[in-house]
């Protein structure tokens, strides 16, 4: 009798094991349980060959995936905020939909636009398609992402460029992942909840109601160790002496007090590209007494005349005080 009970328990356990295995391989789908939620639980971003991501940054990306909330990324210009979304999409093999915000951008444009002017012109010309109002609806970035057949990544780039009402106008759409098209009486709902990246240069405060719906991460400016790894990705054959001297000059330049605009990571990469193209040796980056001098090709690092004049004055004063 005990053996029979044990045999039945083993059969039940084996059945459960097979059912669980089938569930993981997507052979069984539970009712009212989106497959997306199960997929997102195993999708993890660990960085890529083209992007050096710190541990804090990878944790932030994976937290946004787990919570299914937009990831709001702030940081200095040129710290790789936009590139992060591109690399995450590439690493996870998800389609990327980009929405680059301008000062005149309205939230409605991300959903759809109704081309009333074209419809009026076609009606005057007697076009037959005038009766089909749907043919005059231009789908926005969010609509395209909502109807995507697979999981996708949406980049809302530089949201702080728009007016203060822009984030508030997207609250419902980001919360429920749906919106209503009044012209055609359609309710558009996301087939798969996209992973949303929202970047900001921290030039303008965002509404609290909007911030509450996001997971936030601030990209700190890379230290020398991280910057070395970033440069190695873009210039794998760079001579150690040139890299060491260039980074010393770059970080000393960033530490100059009173700079109106500090050079960014992307500007460092541009500068190194020019140094390699002109075959400039490491010793040319400093004066003969190994003091800081105006670096060659400094136009890649200093982008306004006030900073150039400030740097020149500091170097002149340093030489006078020898």
Protein backbone atom coordinates (compact mmCIF):
# COMPACT_ATOMS: atom_id res chain seq x y z
CA UNK A 1 0.00 0.00 0.00
CA UNK A 2 2.81 2.38 0.94
CA UNK A 3 4.58 1.56 -2.32
CA UNK A 4 1.41 2.40 -4.27
CA UNK A 5 1.07 5.77 -2.54
CA UNK A 6 4.74 6.51 -3.18
CA UNK A 7 4.31 5.56 -6.84
CA UNK A 8 1.35 7.94 -7.19
CA UNK A 9 3.34 10.78 -5.61
CA UNK A 10 6.21 10.17 -8.02
CA UNK A 11 3.78 10.29 -10.95
CA UNK A 12 2.36 13.60 -9.71
CA UNK A 13 5.84 15.06 -9.22
CA UNK A 14 6.93 13.97 -12.69
CA UNK A 15 3.78 15.49 -14.23
CA UNK A 16 4.44 18.78 -12.44
CA UNK A 17 8.06 18.76 -13.59
CA UNK A 18 7.05 18.24 -17.23
CA UNK A 19 4.38 20.91 -17.03
CA UNK A 20 6.87 23.38 -15.57
CA UNK A 21 9.41 22.51 -18.27
CA UNK A 22 6.80 23.04 -20.97
CA UNK A 23 5.88 26.37 -19.41
CA UNK A 24 9.49 27.54 -19.59
CA UNK A 25 9.75 26.51 -23.23
CA UNK A 26 6.52 28.36 -23.99
CA UNK A 27 4.53 25.20 -24.81
CA UNK A 28 1.90 26.04 -22.19
CA UNK A 29 0.59 29.55 -21.63
CA UNK A 30 -1.39 30.30 -18.52
CA UNK A 31 -4.62 32.22 -19.11
CA UNK A 32 -4.47 35.94 -18.27
CA UNK A 33 -0.69 35.66 -17.70
CA UNK A 34 1.26 37.59 -20.33
CA UNK A 35 4.22 35.66 -21.69
CA UNK A 36 6.05 38.98 -21.69
CA UNK A 37 6.23 39.00 -17.90
CA UNK A 38 7.93 35.60 -17.87
CA UNK A 39 10.34 36.60 -20.61
CA UNK A 40 11.28 39.83 -18.88
CA UNK A 41 12.13 37.97 -15.68
CA UNK A 42 14.99 36.17 -17.44
CA UNK A 43 16.13 38.98 -19.72
CA UNK A 44 19.20 40.63 -18.20
CA UNK A 45 21.52 43.33 -19.52
CA UNK A 46 25.19 42.88 -18.65
CA UNK A 47 26.79 45.38 -21.03
CA UNK A 48 28.02 44.96 -24.57
CA UNK A 49 31.21 44.99 -26.60
CA UNK A 50 30.58 48.59 -27.65
CA UNK A 51 29.38 49.99 -24.34
CA UNK A 52 31.15 49.95 -20.97
CA UNK A 53 28.40 49.80 -18.36
CA UNK A 54 29.17 50.14 -14.66
CA UNK A 55 27.58 47.79 -12.15
CA UNK A 56 25.18 50.51 -10.95
CA UNK A 57 24.04 51.17 -14.49
CA UNK A 58 23.38 47.51 -15.32
CA UNK A 59 21.45 47.18 -12.05
CA UNK A 60 19.32 50.18 -13.03
CA UNK A 61 18.53 48.75 -16.46
CA UNK A 62 17.60 45.35 -15.04
CA UNK A 63 15.50 47.00 -12.31
CA UNK A 64 13.52 48.83 -15.00
CA UNK A 65 12.99 45.53 -16.83
CA UNK A 66 11.81 43.82 -13.64
CA UNK A 67 9.52 46.65 -12.51
CA UNK A 68 8.25 47.29 -16.06
CA UNK A 69 8.72 51.00 -15.50
CA UNK A 70 10.44 53.64 -17.65
CA UNK A 71 14.12 54.21 -16.86
CA UNK A 72 14.83 57.92 -16.44
CA UNK A 73 18.53 58.58 -17.05
CA UNK A 74 20.16 61.90 -16.22
CA UNK A 75 23.76 62.98 -16.64
CA UNK A 76 26.12 65.37 -18.35
CA UNK A 77 25.86 65.61 -22.15
CA UNK A 78 28.15 63.09 -23.81
CA UNK A 79 28.04 60.45 -21.06
CA UNK A 80 26.35 57.83 -23.24
CA UNK A 81 22.69 58.15 -22.23
CA UNK A 82 21.33 57.81 -25.75
CA UNK A 83 23.84 55.13 -26.69
CA UNK A 84 22.73 53.08 -23.68
CA UNK A 85 19.25 52.54 -25.13
CA UNK A 86 20.75 51.60 -28.49
CA UNK A 87 23.13 49.07 -26.93
CA UNK A 88 20.47 47.54 -24.67
CA UNK A 89 18.21 47.02 -27.69
CA UNK A 90 21.09 45.45 -29.62
CA UNK A 91 22.17 43.24 -26.70
CA UNK A 92 18.63 41.95 -26.09
CA UNK A 93 17.87 41.73 -29.85
CA UNK A 94 14.80 43.95 -29.43
CA UNK A 95 13.61 46.54 -32.00
CA UNK A 96 14.44 50.14 -31.10
CA UNK A 97 12.00 53.03 -31.59
CA UNK A 98 13.58 56.47 -31.13
CA UNK A 99 11.75 59.69 -30.30
CA UNK A 100 14.10 62.68 -30.24
CA UNK A 101 12.36 65.50 -28.41
CA UNK A 102 12.67 69.15 -29.46
CA UNK A 103 11.45 72.36 -27.85
CA UNK A 104 8.35 72.31 -30.09
CA UNK A 105 7.56 68.61 -29.64
CA UNK A 106 4.13 67.75 -28.25
CA UNK A 107 3.23 64.51 -26.50
CA UNK A 108 0.49 63.83 -29.05
CA UNK A 109 3.10 63.45 -31.78
CA UNK A 110 4.45 60.34 -30.08
CA UNK A 111 1.01 58.73 -30.33
CA UNK A 112 -0.30 59.84 -33.71
CA UNK A 113 -1.04 62.88 -35.86
CA UNK A 114 -4.12 63.53 -37.95
CA UNK A 115 -3.19 65.04 -41.32
CA UNK A 116 -6.26 67.22 -41.79
CA UNK A 117 -4.55 69.41 -44.40
CA UNK A 118 -3.93 66.49 -46.77
CA UNK A 119 -7.50 65.26 -46.34
CA UNK A 120 -8.89 68.68 -47.15
CA UNK A 121 -6.72 68.91 -50.26
CA UNK A 122 -7.76 65.44 -51.40
CA UNK A 123 -11.43 66.28 -50.87
CA UNK A 124 -11.04 69.31 -53.12
CA UNK A 125 -9.43 67.08 -55.75
CA UNK A 126 -12.19 64.49 -55.47
CA UNK A 127 -9.97 61.67 -54.20
CA UNK A 128 -11.85 58.50 -53.26
CA UNK A 129 -9.73 57.76 -50.18
CA UNK A 130 -11.14 60.83 -48.40
CA UNK A 131 -13.85 58.61 -46.95
CA UNK A 132 -11.20 56.51 -45.17
CA UNK A 133 -10.07 58.77 -42.34
CA UNK A 134 -7.61 56.14 -41.18
CA UNK A 135 -5.42 56.77 -44.21
CA UNK A 136 -4.71 60.26 -42.85
CA UNK A 137 -3.55 59.04 -39.45
CA UNK A 138 0.25 59.15 -39.08
CA UNK A 139 1.45 56.70 -36.45
CA UNK A 140 3.85 58.01 -33.84
CA UNK A 141 6.77 56.26 -32.17
CA UNK A 142 4.70 54.91 -29.28
CA UNK A 143 2.00 53.55 -31.59
CA UNK A 144 4.65 51.75 -33.65
CA UNK A 145 6.14 50.25 -30.48
CA UNK A 146 2.71 49.26 -29.14
CA UNK A 147 1.85 47.25 -32.23
CA UNK A 148 5.29 45.63 -32.50
CA UNK A 149 5.02 41.85 -32.65
CA UNK A 150 7.86 41.39 -30.14
CA UNK A 151 9.27 43.08 -27.07
CA UNK A 152 10.86 46.42 -27.99
CA UNK A 153 12.84 49.37 -26.63
CA UNK A 154 11.54 52.95 -26.80
CA UNK A 155 13.94 55.89 -26.45
CA UNK A 156 12.45 59.27 -25.49
CA UNK A 157 15.57 61.37 -25.88
CA UNK A 158 16.21 64.68 -24.04
CA UNK A 159 12.75 65.05 -22.54
CA UNK A 160 13.80 68.21 -20.71
CA UNK A 161 13.88 70.10 -24.02
CA UNK A 162 10.07 70.10 -24.20
CA UNK A 163 7.73 72.24 -22.11
CA UNK A 164 6.68 71.23 -18.62
CA UNK A 165 3.35 69.77 -19.77
CA UNK A 166 5.00 67.25 -22.08
CA UNK A 167 5.75 64.64 -19.36
CA UNK A 168 2.33 65.13 -17.74
CA UNK A 169 0.60 64.44 -21.07
CA UNK A 170 2.21 60.99 -21.21
CA UNK A 171 1.24 59.77 -17.74
CA UNK A 172 -1.70 57.59 -18.77
CA UNK A 173 0.08 56.19 -21.83
CA UNK A 174 3.15 55.18 -19.80
CA UNK A 175 1.01 53.76 -17.00
CA UNK A 176 -1.52 51.71 -18.95
CA UNK A 177 0.33 51.40 -22.26
CA UNK A 178 -2.75 52.35 -24.26
CA UNK A 179 -4.39 55.40 -25.80
CA UNK A 180 -7.54 56.32 -27.71
CA UNK A 181 -7.66 57.55 -31.32
CA UNK A 182 -10.63 59.91 -31.43
CA UNK A 183 -10.78 60.23 -35.22
CA UNK A 184 -11.20 56.50 -35.82
CA UNK A 185 -12.66 55.53 -32.42
CA UNK A 186 -9.85 53.01 -31.83
CA UNK A 187 -8.30 52.00 -28.54
CA UNK A 188 -4.64 51.18 -29.17
CA UNK A 189 -3.13 48.88 -26.56
CA UNK A 190 0.45 47.60 -26.43
CA UNK A 191 0.81 43.97 -27.47
CA UNK A 192 4.01 43.81 -25.41
CA UNK A 193 4.98 46.40 -22.82
CA UNK A 194 8.11 48.10 -24.21
CA UNK A 195 11.19 48.95 -22.18
CA UNK A 196 11.21 52.76 -22.12
CA UNK A 197 14.39 54.83 -21.78
CA UNK A 198 13.94 58.53 -21.02
CA UNK A 199 17.04 60.72 -21.10
CA UNK A 200 17.53 64.17 -19.62
CA UNK A 201 20.47 66.57 -19.48
CA UNK A 202 19.12 67.88 -16.17
CA UNK A 203 18.41 71.30 -17.65
CA UNK A 204 14.84 71.40 -16.34
CA UNK A 205 12.97 69.89 -13.39
CA UNK A 206 10.42 67.22 -14.25
CA UNK A 207 6.97 66.95 -12.57
CA UNK A 208 6.71 64.79 -9.45
CA UNK A 209 3.80 62.82 -10.88
CA UNK A 210 6.00 61.84 -13.81
CA UNK A 211 9.03 61.01 -11.67
CA UNK A 212 6.91 58.73 -9.48
CA UNK A 213 6.31 56.47 -12.48
CA UNK A 214 9.99 56.07 -13.38
CA UNK A 215 13.05 54.27 -12.10
CA UNK A 216 15.81 56.86 -11.85
CA UNK A 217 19.54 56.61 -12.47
CA UNK A 218 22.16 59.34 -12.68
CA UNK A 219 25.18 58.51 -14.83
CA UNK A 220 28.21 59.82 -12.98
CA UNK A 221 31.08 61.08 -15.05
CA UNK A 222 33.54 58.17 -15.54
CA UNK A 223 36.64 58.03 -13.39
CA UNK A 224 40.06 57.32 -14.95
CA UNK A 225 39.72 53.56 -14.66
CA UNK A 226 36.31 53.47 -16.32
CA UNK A 227 37.42 56.00 -18.93
CA UNK A 228 40.39 53.80 -19.79
CA UNK A 229 38.00 50.90 -20.44
CA UNK A 230 35.81 53.15 -22.60
CA UNK A 231 38.79 54.30 -24.67
CA UNK A 232 39.98 50.69 -25.07
CA UNK A 233 36.62 49.82 -26.65
CA UNK A 234 36.91 52.59 -29.25
CA UNK A 235 40.71 52.54 -29.75
CA UNK A 236 41.91 49.02 -28.89
CA UNK A 237 45.40 49.58 -30.33
CA UNK A 238 46.13 52.90 -28.65
CA UNK A 239 49.65 53.18 -27.23
CA UNK A 240 49.65 53.14 -23.39
CA UNK A 241 51.90 56.23 -23.18
CA UNK A 242 49.57 58.32 -25.34
CA UNK A 243 46.49 57.08 -23.50
CA UNK A 244 48.02 57.82 -20.09
CA UNK A 245 49.13 61.32 -21.05
CA UNK A 246 45.88 62.15 -22.84
CA UNK A 247 43.78 61.12 -19.84
CA UNK A 248 45.98 63.16 -17.50
CA UNK A 249 45.54 66.26 -19.65
CA UNK A 250 41.81 65.61 -20.09
CA UNK A 251 41.02 65.26 -16.38
CA UNK A 252 43.25 68.21 -15.44
CA UNK A 253 41.34 70.25 -18.00
CA UNK A 254 38.01 69.20 -16.49
CA UNK A 255 39.28 70.25 -13.05
CA UNK A 256 40.07 73.81 -14.17
CA UNK A 257 37.84 76.05 -12.00
CA UNK A 258 35.43 78.35 -13.78
CA UNK A 259 35.05 76.39 -17.03
CA UNK A 260 31.75 77.22 -18.68
CA UNK A 261 31.55 73.80 -20.33
CA UNK A 262 33.63 70.85 -19.22
CA UNK A 263 34.76 68.46 -21.98
CA UNK A 264 32.70 65.27 -22.18
CA UNK A 265 33.46 61.63 -22.90
CA UNK A 266 32.43 61.92 -26.54
CA UNK A 267 34.71 64.96 -26.94
CA UNK A 268 37.63 63.02 -25.46
CA UNK A 269 37.07 60.29 -28.06
CA UNK A 270 36.98 62.91 -30.84
CA UNK A 271 40.21 64.42 -29.51
CA UNK A 272 41.98 61.05 -29.42
CA UNK A 273 40.83 60.37 -32.97
CA UNK A 274 42.45 63.62 -34.09
CA UNK A 275 45.67 62.88 -32.18
CA UNK A 276 45.95 59.53 -33.93
CA UNK A 277 45.11 61.00 -37.32
CA UNK A 278 47.81 63.67 -36.97
CA UNK A 279 50.26 61.19 -35.35
CA UNK A 280 50.88 63.50 -32.40
CA UNK A 281 53.30 61.99 -29.81
CA UNK A 282 52.51 61.90 -26.07
CA UNK A 283 55.23 64.43 -25.19
CA UNK A 284 53.55 67.04 -27.40
CA UNK A 285 50.60 67.18 -24.99
CA UNK A 286 52.65 68.98 -22.31
CA UNK A 287 55.26 71.71 -22.19
CA UNK A 288 58.97 70.93 -21.87
CA UNK A 289 58.87 71.31 -18.08
CA UNK A 290 56.00 68.77 -17.96
CA UNK A 291 53.49 71.43 -16.92
CA UNK A 292 50.01 71.70 -18.34
CA UNK A 293 49.92 73.53 -21.67
CA UNK A 294 47.28 74.27 -24.25
CA UNK A 295 46.86 70.83 -25.83
CA UNK A 296 47.03 70.38 -29.59
CA UNK A 297 43.66 70.15 -31.30
CA UNK A 298 42.10 71.76 -28.20
CA UNK A 299 39.09 72.76 -30.30
CA UNK A 300 37.78 69.23 -29.78
CA UNK A 301 37.73 69.77 -26.00
CA UNK A 302 37.07 73.48 -25.41
CA UNK A 303 33.99 74.67 -27.27
CA UNK A 304 33.76 78.39 -26.50
CA UNK A 305 36.16 81.32 -26.46
CA UNK A 306 35.63 82.11 -22.76
CA UNK A 307 36.99 78.72 -21.72
CA UNK A 308 39.94 79.00 -24.11
CA UNK A 309 40.85 82.45 -22.76
CA UNK A 310 40.43 81.24 -19.16
CA UNK A 311 42.73 78.31 -19.81
CA UNK A 312 45.32 80.53 -21.48
CA UNK A 313 45.27 82.96 -18.52
CA UNK A 314 45.74 80.16 -16.00
CA UNK A 315 48.72 78.79 -17.93
CA UNK A 316 50.24 82.29 -18.21
CA UNK A 317 49.82 82.90 -14.47
CA UNK A 318 51.37 79.51 -13.67
CA UNK A 319 54.42 80.36 -15.78
CA UNK A 320 54.77 83.80 -14.17
CA UNK A 321 54.76 82.26 -10.68
CA UNK A 322 57.64 79.85 -11.33
